[in-house]
Amino acid sequence: MRVFVLLFNAGTENEGIHSLQKQVSTDEGSYTQDVVLAFEEEDDATRFALMLEAQDFPAATVEGFDQEEIEAFCDSAGLELELIPVGSLAVPPEANVDKTDWQPDQPEADVNDLDQIRRRLENLLD
């Protein structure tokens, strides 16, 4: 199945994927988990991207991927994946993190890991 995610600076050396931080509670305690939203419908992803932009996020590009590729990416990066069903109205949280892992002006040396992950995802398409 094809799913749609939001990328910042898509196709550049400084590409980043949008994720949310969610609080997870277990018997052992609680922790924060980064979660990538994967939309079943491109229009729903576009709507979410526009809502982010209204909250002063940089413009995001909606990119379609095979769901298995995104699952593999999330597994390798230690991220959770949340599938957003068609017609669901996903709304960005009211509060944003003060400092993101991705920065629009991040030096190239810090994006090598993301470049390697992107190459692995592209190799899956071959």
PDB file of N, CA and C in Angstrom:
ATOM      1  N   MET A   1       0.848  -1.182   0.000  1.00  0.00           N
ATOM      2  CA  MET A   1       0.000   0.000   0.000  1.00  0.00           C
ATOM      3  C   MET A   1       0.892   1.243   0.000  1.00  0.00           C
ATOM      4  N   ARG A   2       0.477   2.242  -0.720  1.00  0.00           N
ATOM      5  CA  ARG A   2       1.206   3.510  -0.794  1.00  0.00           C
ATOM      6  C   ARG A   2       0.688   4.423   0.317  1.00  0.00           C
ATOM      7  N   VAL A   3       1.632   5.056   1.030  1.00  0.00           N
ATOM      8  CA  VAL A   3       1.285   6.013   2.080  1.00  0.00           C
ATOM      9  C   VAL A   3       2.022   7.321   1.798  1.00  0.00           C
ATOM     10  N   PHE A   4       1.596   8.372   2.458  1.00  0.00           N
ATOM     11  CA  PHE A   4       2.136   9.701   2.215  1.00  0.00           C
ATOM     12  C   PHE A   4       2.652  10.300   3.519  1.00  0.00           C
ATOM     13  N   VAL A   5       3.886  10.803   3.470  1.00  0.00           N
ATOM     14  CA  VAL A   5       4.514  11.431   4.631  1.00  0.00           C
ATOM     15  C   VAL A   5       4.926  12.848   4.248  1.00  0.00           C
ATOM     16  N   LEU A   6       5.269  13.638   5.255  1.00  0.00           N
ATOM     17  CA  LEU A   6       5.685  15.006   5.022  1.00  0.00           C
ATOM     18  C   LEU A   6       7.195  15.119   5.170  1.00  0.00           C
ATOM     19  N   LEU A   7       7.827  15.696   4.145  1.00  0.00           N
ATOM     20  CA  LEU A   7       9.267  15.919   4.153  1.00  0.00           C
ATOM     21  C   LEU A   7       9.547  17.411   4.080  1.00  0.00           C
ATOM     22  N   PHE A   8      10.599  17.820   4.777  1.00  0.00           N
ATOM     23  CA  PHE A   8      11.088  19.185   4.682  1.00  0.00           C
ATOM     24  C   PHE A   8      12.356  19.152   3.838  1.00  0.00           C
ATOM     25  N   ASN A   9      12.514  20.118   2.951  1.00  0.00           N
ATOM     26  CA  ASN A   9      13.658  20.178   2.030  1.00  0.00           C
ATOM     27  C   ASN A   9      13.806  18.878   1.244  1.00  0.00           C
ATOM     28  N   ALA A  10      12.712  18.377   0.719  1.00  0.00           N
ATOM     29  CA  ALA A  10      12.706  17.108  -0.007  1.00  0.00           C
ATOM     30  C   ALA A  10      13.713  17.110  -1.150  1.00  0.00           C
ATOM     31  N   GLY A  11      14.472  16.013  -1.235  1.00  0.00           N
ATOM     32  CA  GLY A  11      15.419  15.826  -2.315  1.00  0.00           C
ATOM     33  C   GLY A  11      16.719  16.595  -2.168  1.00  0.00           C
ATOM     34  N   THR A  12      16.947  17.197  -1.008  1.00  0.00           N
ATOM     35  CA  THR A  12      18.183  17.953  -0.797  1.00  0.00           C
ATOM     36  C   THR A  12      19.080  17.205   0.183  1.00  0.00           C
ATOM     37  N   GLU A  13      20.264  17.738   0.394  1.00  0.00           N
ATOM     38  CA  GLU A  13      21.197  17.172   1.369  1.00  0.00           C
ATOM     39  C   GLU A  13      20.689  17.350   2.794  1.00  0.00           C
ATOM     40  N   ASN A  14      19.736  18.249   2.983  1.00  0.00           N
ATOM     41  CA  ASN A  14      19.233  18.592   4.307  1.00  0.00           C
ATOM     42  C   ASN A  14      17.753  18.223   4.428  1.00  0.00           C
ATOM     43  N   GLU A  15      17.414  17.005   4.035  1.00  0.00           N
ATOM     44  CA  GLU A  15      16.041  16.544   4.049  1.00  0.00           C
ATOM     45  C   GLU A  15      15.663  16.060   5.444  1.00  0.00           C
ATOM     46  N   GLY A  16      14.434  16.335   5.851  1.00  0.00           N
ATOM     47  CA  GLY A  16      13.944  15.866   7.142  1.00  0.00           C
ATOM     48  C   GLY A  16      12.512  15.381   7.019  1.00  0.00           C
ATOM     49  N   ILE A  17      12.140  14.429   7.867  1.00  0.00           N
ATOM     50  CA  ILE A  17      10.777  13.897   7.864  1.00  0.00           C
ATOM     51  C   ILE A  17      10.049  14.442   9.093  1.00  0.00           C
ATOM     52  N   HIS A  18       8.791  14.766   8.922  1.00  0.00           N
ATOM     53  CA  HIS A  18       8.007  15.304  10.034  1.00  0.00           C
ATOM     54  C   HIS A  18       7.632  14.180  10.996  1.00  0.00           C
ATOM     55  N   SER A  19       7.795  14.464  12.274  1.00  0.00           N
ATOM     56  CA  SER A  19       7.366  13.515  13.297  1.00  0.00           C
ATOM     57  C   SER A  19       6.783  14.288  14.470  1.00  0.00           C
ATOM     58  N   LEU A  20       6.008  13.586  15.266  1.00  0.00           N
ATOM     59  CA  LEU A  20       5.420  14.137  16.484  1.00  0.00           C
ATOM     60  C   LEU A  20       6.028  13.435  17.678  1.00  0.00           C
ATOM     61  N   GLN A  21       6.008  14.094  18.813  1.00  0.00           N
ATOM     62  CA  GLN A  21       6.425  13.438  20.043  1.00  0.00           C
ATOM     63  C   GLN A  21       5.172  13.081  20.827  1.00  0.00           C
ATOM     64  N   LYS A  22       5.085  11.801  21.200  1.00  0.00           N
ATOM     65  CA  LYS A  22       3.941  11.329  21.980  1.00  0.00           C
ATOM     66  C   LYS A  22       4.446  10.739  23.285  1.00  0.00           C
ATOM     67  N   GLN A  23       3.690  10.972  24.331  1.00  0.00           N
ATOM     68  CA  GLN A  23       4.017  10.417  25.636  1.00  0.00           C
ATOM     69  C   GLN A  23       3.465   8.993  25.708  1.00  0.00           C
ATOM     70  N   VAL A  24       4.325   8.043  26.065  1.00  0.00           N
ATOM     71  CA  VAL A  24       3.944   6.633  26.174  1.00  0.00           C
ATOM     72  C   VAL A  24       4.117   6.215  27.622  1.00  0.00           C
ATOM     73  N   SER A  25       3.091   5.579  28.185  1.00  0.00           N
ATOM     74  CA  SER A  25       3.162   5.091  29.568  1.00  0.00           C
ATOM     75  C   SER A  25       3.189   3.573  29.576  1.00  0.00           C
ATOM     76  N   THR A  26       4.087   3.025  30.373  1.00  0.00           N
ATOM     77  CA  THR A  26       4.189   1.585  30.548  1.00  0.00           C
ATOM     78  C   THR A  26       4.210   1.285  32.046  1.00  0.00           C
ATOM     79  N   ASP A  27       4.233   0.007  32.400  1.00  0.00           N
ATOM     80  CA  ASP A  27       4.328  -0.373  33.805  1.00  0.00           C
ATOM     81  C   ASP A  27       5.641   0.103  34.414  1.00  0.00           C
ATOM     82  N   GLU A  28       6.675   0.217  33.587  1.00  0.00           N
ATOM     83  CA  GLU A  28       7.991   0.641  34.060  1.00  0.00           C
ATOM     84  C   GLU A  28       8.135   2.159  34.161  1.00  0.00           C
ATOM     85  N   GLY A  29       7.215   2.900  33.620  1.00  0.00           N
ATOM     86  CA  GLY A  29       7.286   4.360  33.637  1.00  0.00           C
ATOM     87  C   GLY A  29       6.775   4.938  32.337  1.00  0.00           C
ATOM     88  N   SER A  30       7.123   6.180  32.079  1.00  0.00           N
ATOM     89  CA  SER A  30       6.688   6.814  30.835  1.00  0.00           C
ATOM     90  C   SER A  30       7.897   7.408  30.113  1.00  0.00           C
ATOM     91  N   TYR A  31       7.736   7.572  28.810  1.00  0.00           N
ATOM     92  CA  TYR A  31       8.793   8.129  27.979  1.00  0.00           C
ATOM     93  C   TYR A  31       8.172   8.810  26.766  1.00  0.00           C
ATOM     94  N   THR A  32       8.977   9.599  26.089  1.00  0.00           N
ATOM     95  CA  THR A  32       8.536  10.285  24.879  1.00  0.00           C
ATOM     96  C   THR A  32       9.011   9.501  23.666  1.00  0.00           C
ATOM     97  N   GLN A  33       8.106   9.282  22.714  1.00  0.00           N
ATOM     98  CA  GLN A  33       8.420   8.537  21.493  1.00  0.00           C
ATOM     99  C   GLN A  33       8.159   9.433  20.290  1.00  0.00           C
ATOM    100  N   ASP A  34       9.107   9.471  19.353  1.00  0.00           N
ATOM    101  CA  ASP A  34       8.897  10.198  18.102  1.00  0.00           C
ATOM    102  C   ASP A  34       8.094   9.310  17.160  1.00  0.00           C
ATOM    103  N   VAL A  35       7.059   9.908  16.561  1.00  0.00           N
ATOM    104  CA  VAL A  35       6.118   9.169  15.720  1.00  0.00           C
ATOM    105  C   VAL A  35       6.007   9.850  14.357  1.00  0.00           C
ATOM    106  N   VAL A  36       6.188   9.075  13.300  1.00  0.00           N
ATOM    107  CA  VAL A  36       5.992   9.552  11.934  1.00  0.00           C
ATOM    108  C   VAL A  36       4.557   9.234  11.525  1.00  0.00           C
ATOM    109  N   LEU A  37       3.864  10.235  11.015  1.00  0.00           N
ATOM    110  CA  LEU A  37       2.508  10.028  10.522  1.00  0.00           C
ATOM    111  C   LEU A  37       2.576   9.626   9.053  1.00  0.00           C
ATOM    112  N   ALA A  38       1.902   8.533   8.719  1.00  0.00           N
ATOM    113  CA  ALA A  38       1.808   8.064   7.336  1.00  0.00           C
ATOM    114  C   ALA A  38       0.336   8.081   6.956  1.00  0.00           C
ATOM    115  N   PHE A  39      -0.013   8.913   6.018  1.00  0.00           N
ATOM    116  CA  PHE A  39      -1.401   9.096   5.611  1.00  0.00           C
ATOM    117  C   PHE A  39      -1.748   8.152   4.473  1.00  0.00           C
ATOM    118  N   GLU A  40      -2.919   7.530   4.564  1.00  0.00           N
ATOM    119  CA  GLU A  40      -3.383   6.666   3.475  1.00  0.00           C
ATOM    120  C   GLU A  40      -3.799   7.483   2.258  1.00  0.00           C
ATOM    121  N   GLU A  41      -4.208   8.725   2.483  1.00  0.00           N
ATOM    122  CA  GLU A  41      -4.724   9.573   1.416  1.00  0.00           C
ATOM    123  C   GLU A  41      -3.844  10.814   1.262  1.00  0.00           C
ATOM    124  N   GLU A  42      -3.429  11.105   0.037  1.00  0.00           N
ATOM    125  CA  GLU A  42      -2.559  12.249  -0.224  1.00  0.00           C
ATOM    126  C   GLU A  42      -3.212  13.565   0.179  1.00  0.00           C
ATOM    127  N   ASP A  43      -4.507  13.712  -0.072  1.00  0.00           N
ATOM    128  CA  ASP A  43      -5.202  14.953   0.293  1.00  0.00           C
ATOM    129  C   ASP A  43      -5.173  15.198   1.802  1.00  0.00           C
ATOM    130  N   ASP A  44      -5.289  14.141   2.596  1.00  0.00           N
ATOM    131  CA  ASP A  44      -5.233  14.291   4.052  1.00  0.00           C
ATOM    132  C   ASP A  44      -3.840  14.747   4.489  1.00  0.00           C
ATOM    133  N   ALA A  45      -2.803  14.218   3.843  1.00  0.00           N
ATOM    134  CA  ALA A  45      -1.432  14.628   4.152  1.00  0.00           C
ATOM    135  C   ALA A  45      -1.217  16.091   3.763  1.00  0.00           C
ATOM    136  N   THR A  46      -1.750  16.492   2.629  1.00  0.00           N
ATOM    137  CA  THR A  46      -1.627  17.882   2.177  1.00  0.00           C
ATOM    138  C   THR A  46      -2.329  18.825   3.145  1.00  0.00           C
ATOM    139  N   ARG A  47      -3.501  18.439   3.600  1.00  0.00           N
ATOM    140  CA  ARG A  47      -4.248  19.251   4.564  1.00  0.00           C
ATOM    141  C   ARG A  47      -3.439  19.420   5.854  1.00  0.00           C
ATOM    142  N   PHE A  48      -2.832  18.335   6.333  1.00  0.00           N
ATOM    143  CA  PHE A  48      -2.018  18.384   7.544  1.00  0.00           C
ATOM    144  C   PHE A  48      -0.805  19.305   7.329  1.00  0.00           C
ATOM    145  N   ALA A  49      -0.167  19.208   6.166  1.00  0.00           N
ATOM    146  CA  ALA A  49       0.989  20.059   5.847  1.00  0.00           C
ATOM    147  C   ALA A  49       0.595  21.534   5.872  1.00  0.00           C
ATOM    148  N   LEU A  50      -0.573  21.853   5.356  1.00  0.00           N
ATOM    149  CA  LEU A  50      -1.037  23.240   5.360  1.00  0.00           C
ATOM    150  C   LEU A  50      -1.305  23.728   6.778  1.00  0.00           C
ATOM    151  N   MET A  51      -1.826  22.853   7.638  1.00  0.00           N
ATOM    152  CA  MET A  51      -2.046  23.226   9.031  1.00  0.00           C
ATOM    153  C   MET A  51      -0.712  23.483   9.737  1.00  0.00           C
ATOM    154  N   LEU A  52       0.306  22.671   9.421  1.00  0.00           N
ATOM    155  CA  LEU A  52       1.629  22.907   9.995  1.00  0.00           C
ATOM    156  C   LEU A  52       2.180  24.256   9.552  1.00  0.00           C
ATOM    157  N   GLU A  53       2.018  24.551   8.273  1.00  0.00           N
ATOM    158  CA  GLU A  53       2.512  25.820   7.744  1.00  0.00           C
ATOM    159  C   GLU A  53       1.825  26.996   8.438  1.00  0.00           C
ATOM    160  N   ALA A  54       0.544  26.832   8.765  1.00  0.00           N
ATOM    161  CA  ALA A  54      -0.185  27.880   9.487  1.00  0.00           C
ATOM    162  C   ALA A  54       0.366  28.068  10.900  1.00  0.00           C
ATOM    163  N   GLN A  55       1.080  27.062  11.415  1.00  0.00           N
ATOM    164  CA  GLN A  55       1.716  27.162  12.730  1.00  0.00           C
ATOM    165  C   GLN A  55       3.190  27.571  12.600  1.00  0.00           C
ATOM    166  N   ASP A  56       3.533  28.168  11.486  1.00  0.00           N
ATOM    167  CA  ASP A  56       4.878  28.694  11.231  1.00  0.00           C
ATOM    168  C   ASP A  56       5.939  27.628  11.017  1.00  0.00           C
ATOM    169  N   PHE A  57       5.543  26.424  10.626  1.00  0.00           N
ATOM    170  CA  PHE A  57       6.522  25.437  10.186  1.00  0.00           C
ATOM    171  C   PHE A  57       6.952  25.798   8.767  1.00  0.00           C
ATOM    172  N   PRO A  58       8.141  25.364   8.355  1.00  0.00           N
ATOM    173  CA  PRO A  58       8.507  25.540   6.944  1.00  0.00           C
ATOM    174  C   PRO A  58       7.548  24.719   6.068  1.00  0.00           C
ATOM    175  N   ALA A  59       7.445  25.094   4.812  1.00  0.00           N
ATOM    176  CA  ALA A  59       6.585  24.354   3.892  1.00  0.00           C
ATOM    177  C   ALA A  59       7.076  22.912   3.775  1.00  0.00           C
ATOM    178  N   ALA A  60       6.153  21.980   3.858  1.00  0.00           N
ATOM    179  CA  ALA A  60       6.476  20.555   3.749  1.00  0.00           C
ATOM    180  C   ALA A  60       6.014  20.039   2.395  1.00  0.00           C
ATOM    181  N   THR A  61       6.730  19.039   1.887  1.00  0.00           N
ATOM    182  CA  THR A  61       6.370  18.367   0.652  1.00  0.00           C
ATOM    183  C   THR A  61       5.735  17.033   1.002  1.00  0.00           C
ATOM    184  N   VAL A  62       4.618  16.721   0.382  1.00  0.00           N
ATOM    185  CA  VAL A  62       3.968  15.430   0.582  1.00  0.00           C
ATOM    186  C   VAL A  62       4.583  14.448  -0.397  1.00  0.00           C
ATOM    187  N   GLU A  63       5.149  13.366   0.130  1.00  0.00           N
ATOM    188  CA  GLU A  63       5.811  12.354  -0.698  1.00  0.00           C
ATOM    189  C   GLU A  63       5.151  11.000  -0.463  1.00  0.00           C
ATOM    190  N   GLY A  64       4.922  10.273  -1.539  1.00  0.00           N
ATOM    191  CA  GLY A  64       4.350   8.940  -1.443  1.00  0.00           C
ATOM    192  C   GLY A  64       5.428   7.870  -1.428  1.00  0.00           C
ATOM    193  N   PHE A  65       5.265   6.875  -0.548  1.00  0.00           N
ATOM    194  CA  PHE A  65       6.197   5.755  -0.428  1.00  0.00           C
ATOM    195  C   PHE A  65       5.393   4.479  -0.215  1.00  0.00           C
ATOM    196  N   ASP A  66       6.004   3.370  -0.497  1.00  0.00           N
ATOM    197  CA  ASP A  66       5.425   2.092  -0.141  1.00  0.00           C
ATOM    198  C   ASP A  66       5.433   1.995   1.383  1.00  0.00           C
ATOM    199  N   GLN A  67       4.359   1.527   1.971  1.00  0.00           N
ATOM    200  CA  GLN A  67       4.260   1.471   3.425  1.00  0.00           C
ATOM    201  C   GLN A  67       5.396   0.657   4.043  1.00  0.00           C
ATOM    202  N   GLU A  68       5.794  -0.422   3.394  1.00  0.00           N
ATOM    203  CA  GLU A  68       6.879  -1.251   3.923  1.00  0.00           C
ATOM    204  C   GLU A  68       8.198  -0.477   3.983  1.00  0.00           C
ATOM    205  N   GLU A  69       8.428   0.419   3.012  1.00  0.00           N
ATOM    206  CA  GLU A  69       9.648   1.230   3.019  1.00  0.00           C
ATOM    207  C   GLU A  69       9.660   2.180   4.214  1.00  0.00           C
ATOM    208  N   ILE A  70       8.535   2.811   4.470  1.00  0.00           N
ATOM    209  CA  ILE A  70       8.452   3.741   5.601  1.00  0.00           C
ATOM    210  C   ILE A  70       8.577   2.980   6.916  1.00  0.00           C
ATOM    211  N   GLU A  71       7.986   1.792   6.991  1.00  0.00           N
ATOM    212  CA  GLU A  71       8.123   0.984   8.208  1.00  0.00           C
ATOM    213  C   GLU A  71       9.591   0.628   8.445  1.00  0.00           C
ATOM    214  N   ALA A  72      10.313   0.253   7.380  1.00  0.00           N
ATOM    215  CA  ALA A  72      11.729  -0.091   7.503  1.00  0.00           C
ATOM    216  C   ALA A  72      12.540   1.128   7.927  1.00  0.00           C
ATOM    217  N   PHE A  73      12.235   2.286   7.345  1.00  0.00           N
ATOM    218  CA  PHE A  73      12.918   3.518   7.727  1.00  0.00           C
ATOM    219  C   PHE A  73      12.699   3.813   9.200  1.00  0.00           C
ATOM    220  N   CYS A  74      11.447   3.740   9.657  1.00  0.00           N
ATOM    221  CA  CYS A  74      11.134   4.032  11.058  1.00  0.00           C
ATOM    222  C   CYS A  74      11.834   3.049  11.987  1.00  0.00           C
ATOM    223  N   ASP A  75      11.835   1.777  11.636  1.00  0.00           N
ATOM    224  CA  ASP A  75      12.526   0.777  12.455  1.00  0.00           C
ATOM    225  C   ASP A  75      14.008   1.107  12.580  1.00  0.00           C
ATOM    226  N   SER A  76      14.638   1.468  11.459  1.00  0.00           N
ATOM    227  CA  SER A  76      16.080   1.733  11.480  1.00  0.00           C
ATOM    228  C   SER A  76      16.411   3.025  12.219  1.00  0.00           C
ATOM    229  N   ALA A  77      15.468   3.963  12.278  1.00  0.00           N
ATOM    230  CA  ALA A  77      15.709   5.254  12.917  1.00  0.00           C
ATOM    231  C   ALA A  77      15.168   5.316  14.348  1.00  0.00           C
ATOM    232  N   GLY A  78      14.562   4.223  14.817  1.00  0.00           N
ATOM    233  CA  GLY A  78      14.010   4.224  16.177  1.00  0.00           C
ATOM    234  C   GLY A  78      12.749   5.050  16.315  1.00  0.00           C
ATOM    235  N   LEU A  79      11.982   5.142  15.234  1.00  0.00           N
ATOM    236  CA  LEU A  79      10.731   5.903  15.230  1.00  0.00           C
ATOM    237  C   LEU A  79       9.541   4.954  15.188  1.00  0.00           C
ATOM    238  N   GLU A  80       8.417   5.410  15.700  1.00  0.00           N
ATOM    239  CA  GLU A  80       7.162   4.681  15.554  1.00  0.00           C
ATOM    240  C   GLU A  80       6.468   5.197  14.300  1.00  0.00           C
ATOM    241  N   LEU A  81       5.594   4.383  13.737  1.00  0.00           N
ATOM    242  CA  LEU A  81       4.815   4.773  12.570  1.00  0.00           C
ATOM    243  C   LEU A  81       3.345   4.729  12.954  1.00  0.00           C
ATOM    244  N   GLU A  82       2.635   5.805  12.663  1.00  0.00           N
ATOM    245  CA  GLU A  82       1.193   5.844  12.908  1.00  0.00           C
ATOM    246  C   GLU A  82       0.489   6.036  11.579  1.00  0.00           C
ATOM    247  N   LEU A  83      -0.339   5.079  11.216  1.00  0.00           N
ATOM    248  CA  LEU A  83      -1.081   5.134   9.963  1.00  0.00           C
ATOM    249  C   LEU A  83      -2.354   5.949  10.183  1.00  0.00           C
ATOM    250  N   ILE A  84      -2.555   6.965   9.362  1.00  0.00           N
ATOM    251  CA  ILE A  84      -3.729   7.826   9.442  1.00  0.00           C
ATOM    252  C   ILE A  84      -4.700   7.384   8.348  1.00  0.00           C
ATOM    253  N   PRO A  85      -5.846   6.783   8.736  1.00  0.00           N
ATOM    254  CA  PRO A  85      -6.801   6.262   7.745  1.00  0.00           C
ATOM    255  C   PRO A  85      -7.409   7.366   6.877  1.00  0.00           C
ATOM    256  N   VAL A  86      -7.887   6.987   5.709  1.00  0.00           N
ATOM    257  CA  VAL A  86      -8.532   7.908   4.777  1.00  0.00           C
ATOM    258  C   VAL A  86      -9.668   8.641   5.486  1.00  0.00           C
ATOM    259  N   GLY A  87      -9.697   9.955   5.317  1.00  0.00           N
ATOM    260  CA  GLY A  87     -10.785  10.758   5.864  1.00  0.00           C
ATOM    261  C   GLY A  87     -10.616  11.160   7.316  1.00  0.00           C
ATOM    262  N   SER A  88      -9.567  10.678   7.975  1.00  0.00           N
ATOM    263  CA  SER A  88      -9.330  11.075   9.366  1.00  0.00           C
ATOM    264  C   SER A  88      -8.767  12.489   9.373  1.00  0.00           C
ATOM    265  N   LEU A  89      -9.218  13.272  10.308  1.00  0.00           N
ATOM    266  CA  LEU A  89      -8.719  14.637  10.403  1.00  0.00           C
ATOM    267  C   LEU A  89      -7.624  14.684  11.451  1.00  0.00           C
ATOM    268  N   ALA A  90      -6.400  14.485  11.020  1.00  0.00           N
ATOM    269  CA  ALA A  90      -5.241  14.606  11.913  1.00  0.00           C
ATOM    270  C   ALA A  90      -4.956  16.092  12.089  1.00  0.00           C
ATOM    271  N   VAL A  91      -4.794  16.498  13.336  1.00  0.00           N
ATOM    272  CA  VAL A  91      -4.552  17.900  13.656  1.00  0.00           C
ATOM    273  C   VAL A  91      -3.216  18.000  14.381  1.00  0.00           C
ATOM    274  N   PRO A  92      -2.348  18.925  13.947  1.00  0.00           N
ATOM    275  CA  PRO A  92      -1.074  19.091  14.647  1.00  0.00           C
ATOM    276  C   PRO A  92      -1.314  19.484  16.102  1.00  0.00           C
ATOM    277  N   PRO A  93      -0.403  19.085  16.992  1.00  0.00           N
ATOM    278  CA  PRO A  93      -0.561  19.495  18.386  1.00  0.00           C
ATOM    279  C   PRO A  93      -0.458  21.006  18.520  1.00  0.00           C
ATOM    280  N   GLU A  94      -1.073  21.537  19.561  1.00  0.00           N
ATOM    281  CA  GLU A  94      -1.034  22.989  19.763  1.00  0.00           C
ATOM    282  C   GLU A  94       0.368  23.467  20.100  1.00  0.00           C
ATOM    283  N   ALA A  95       1.121  22.654  20.828  1.00  0.00           N
ATOM    284  CA  ALA A  95       2.479  23.047  21.218  1.00  0.00           C
ATOM    285  C   ALA A  95       3.486  22.316  20.342  1.00  0.00           C
ATOM    286  N   ASN A  96       4.490  23.041  19.900  1.00  0.00           N
ATOM    287  CA  ASN A  96       5.570  22.462  19.110  1.00  0.00           C
ATOM    288  C   ASN A  96       6.805  22.345  19.987  1.00  0.00           C
ATOM    289  N   VAL A  97       7.687  21.420  19.638  1.00  0.00           N
ATOM    290  CA  VAL A  97       8.935  21.315  20.385  1.00  0.00           C
ATOM    291  C   VAL A  97       9.771  22.565  20.123  1.00  0.00           C
ATOM    292  N   ASP A  98      10.523  22.974  21.142  1.00  0.00           N
ATOM    293  CA  ASP A  98      11.346  24.172  21.008  1.00  0.00           C
ATOM    294  C   ASP A  98      12.495  23.962  20.040  1.00  0.00           C
ATOM    295  N   LYS A  99      13.088  22.780  20.075  1.00  0.00           N
ATOM    296  CA  LYS A  99      14.235  22.487  19.218  1.00  0.00           C
ATOM    297  C   LYS A  99      13.968  21.174  18.505  1.00  0.00           C
ATOM    298  N   THR A 100      14.041  21.199  17.192  1.00  0.00           N
ATOM    299  CA  THR A 100      13.819  19.988  16.413  1.00  0.00           C
ATOM    300  C   THR A 100      15.139  19.310  16.125  1.00  0.00           C
ATOM    301  N   ASP A 101      15.075  18.021  15.779  1.00  0.00           N
ATOM    302  CA  ASP A 101      16.274  17.303  15.357  1.00  0.00           C
ATOM    303  C   ASP A 101      16.771  17.823  14.017  1.00  0.00           C
ATOM    304  N   TRP A 102      15.856  18.289  13.198  1.00  0.00           N
ATOM    305  CA  TRP A 102      16.175  18.798  11.869  1.00  0.00           C
ATOM    306  C   TRP A 102      16.124  20.311  11.915  1.00  0.00           C
ATOM    307  N   GLN A 103      17.087  20.950  11.314  1.00  0.00           N
ATOM    308  CA  GLN A 103      17.120  22.412  11.229  1.00  0.00           C
ATOM    309  C   GLN A 103      17.298  22.808   9.770  1.00  0.00           C
ATOM    310  N   PRO A 104      16.565  23.832   9.317  1.00  0.00           N
ATOM    311  CA  PRO A 104      16.705  24.247   7.917  1.00  0.00           C
ATOM    312  C   PRO A 104      18.133  24.611   7.538  1.00  0.00           C
ATOM    313  N   ASP A 105      18.917  25.123   8.484  1.00  0.00           N
ATOM    314  CA  ASP A 105      20.282  25.533   8.169  1.00  0.00           C
ATOM    315  C   ASP A 105      21.319  24.586   8.755  1.00  0.00           C
ATOM    316  N   GLN A 106      20.917  23.351   8.995  1.00  0.00           N
ATOM    317  CA  GLN A 106      21.813  22.349   9.586  1.00  0.00           C
ATOM    318  C   GLN A 106      23.000  22.085   8.668  1.00  0.00           C
ATOM    319  N   PRO A 107      24.214  22.026   9.216  1.00  0.00           N
ATOM    320  CA  PRO A 107      25.376  21.759   8.364  1.00  0.00           C
ATOM    321  C   PRO A 107      25.308  20.380   7.726  1.00  0.00           C
ATOM    322  N   GLU A 108      25.893  20.264   6.558  1.00  0.00           N
ATOM    323  CA  GLU A 108      25.841  19.026   5.785  1.00  0.00           C
ATOM    324  C   GLU A 108      26.392  17.840   6.555  1.00  0.00           C
ATOM    325  N   ALA A 109      27.389  18.035   7.389  1.00  0.00           N
ATOM    326  CA  ALA A 109      28.012  16.924   8.114  1.00  0.00           C
ATOM    327  C   ALA A 109      27.014  16.201   9.015  1.00  0.00           C
ATOM    328  N   ASP A 110      25.984  16.907   9.487  1.00  0.00           N
ATOM    329  CA  ASP A 110      25.016  16.304  10.395  1.00  0.00           C
ATOM    330  C   ASP A 110      23.914  15.541   9.677  1.00  0.00           C
ATOM    331  N   VAL A 111      23.833  15.637   8.368  1.00  0.00           N
ATOM    332  CA  VAL A 111      22.758  14.975   7.640  1.00  0.00           C
ATOM    333  C   VAL A 111      23.226  13.701   6.944  1.00  0.00           C
ATOM    334  N   ASN A 112      24.454  13.278   7.167  1.00  0.00           N
ATOM    335  CA  ASN A 112      24.959  12.084   6.501  1.00  0.00           C
ATOM    336  C   ASN A 112      24.124  10.857   6.824  1.00  0.00           C
ATOM    337  N   ASP A 113      23.702  10.705   8.063  1.00  0.00           N
ATOM    338  CA  ASP A 113      22.883   9.551   8.428  1.00  0.00           C
ATOM    339  C   ASP A 113      21.579   9.541   7.648  1.00  0.00           C
ATOM    340  N   LEU A 114      20.938  10.696   7.525  1.00  0.00           N
ATOM    341  CA  LEU A 114      19.692  10.779   6.775  1.00  0.00           C
ATOM    342  C   LEU A 114      19.927  10.458   5.303  1.00  0.00           C
ATOM    343  N   ASP A 115      21.057  10.918   4.759  1.00  0.00           N
ATOM    344  CA  ASP A 115      21.394  10.606   3.368  1.00  0.00           C
ATOM    345  C   ASP A 115      21.548   9.102   3.170  1.00  0.00           C
ATOM    346  N   GLN A 116      22.204   8.447   4.132  1.00  0.00           N
ATOM    347  CA  GLN A 116      22.392   6.998   4.035  1.00  0.00           C
ATOM    348  C   GLN A 116      21.055   6.278   4.101  1.00  0.00           C
ATOM    349  N   ILE A 117      20.170   6.722   4.971  1.00  0.00           N
ATOM    350  CA  ILE A 117      18.849   6.103   5.090  1.00  0.00           C
ATOM    351  C   ILE A 117      18.065   6.310   3.800  1.00  0.00           C
ATOM    352  N   ARG A 118      18.142   7.525   3.241  1.00  0.00           N
ATOM    353  CA  ARG A 118      17.423   7.796   1.995  1.00  0.00           C
ATOM    354  C   ARG A 118      17.936   6.895   0.872  1.00  0.00           C
ATOM    355  N   ARG A 119      19.275   6.727   0.792  1.00  0.00           N
ATOM    356  CA  ARG A 119      19.839   5.852  -0.237  1.00  0.00           C
ATOM    357  C   ARG A 119      19.343   4.419  -0.059  1.00  0.00           C
ATOM    358  N   ARG A 120      19.270   3.958   1.207  1.00  0.00           N
ATOM    359  CA  ARG A 120      18.765   2.600   1.442  1.00  0.00           C
ATOM    360  C   ARG A 120      17.316   2.480   0.990  1.00  0.00           C
ATOM    361  N   LEU A 121      16.499   3.521   1.273  1.00  0.00           N
ATOM    362  CA  LEU A 121      15.115   3.486   0.824  1.00  0.00           C
ATOM    363  C   LEU A 121      15.037   3.484  -0.702  1.00  0.00           C
ATOM    364  N   GLU A 122      15.883   4.291  -1.355  1.00  0.00           N
ATOM    365  CA  GLU A 122      15.883   4.333  -2.818  1.00  0.00           C
ATOM    366  C   GLU A 122      16.329   3.004  -3.399  1.00  0.00           C
ATOM    367  N   ASN A 123      17.274   2.328  -2.741  1.00  0.00           N
ATOM    368  CA  ASN A 123      17.731   1.030  -3.212  1.00  0.00           C
ATOM    369  C   ASN A 123      16.626  -0.018  -3.131  1.00  0.00           C
ATOM    370  N   LEU A 124      15.702   0.152  -2.192  1.00  0.00           N
ATOM    371  CA  LEU A 124      14.581  -0.770  -2.089  1.00  0.00           C
ATOM    372  C   LEU A 124      13.676  -0.687  -3.323  1.00  0.00           C
ATOM    373  N   LEU A 125      13.671   0.477  -3.962  1.00  0.00           N
ATOM    374  CA  LEU A 125      12.840   0.672  -5.166  1.00  0.00           C
ATOM    375  C   LEU A 125      13.427  -0.007  -6.388  1.00  0.00           C
ATOM    376  N   ASP A 126      14.733  -0.246  -6.397  1.00  0.00           N
ATOM    377  CA  ASP A 126      15.395  -0.860  -7.552  1.00  0.00           C
ATOM    378  C   ASP A 126      15.083  -2.322  -7.695  1.00  0.00           C
TER     379      ASP A 126
END
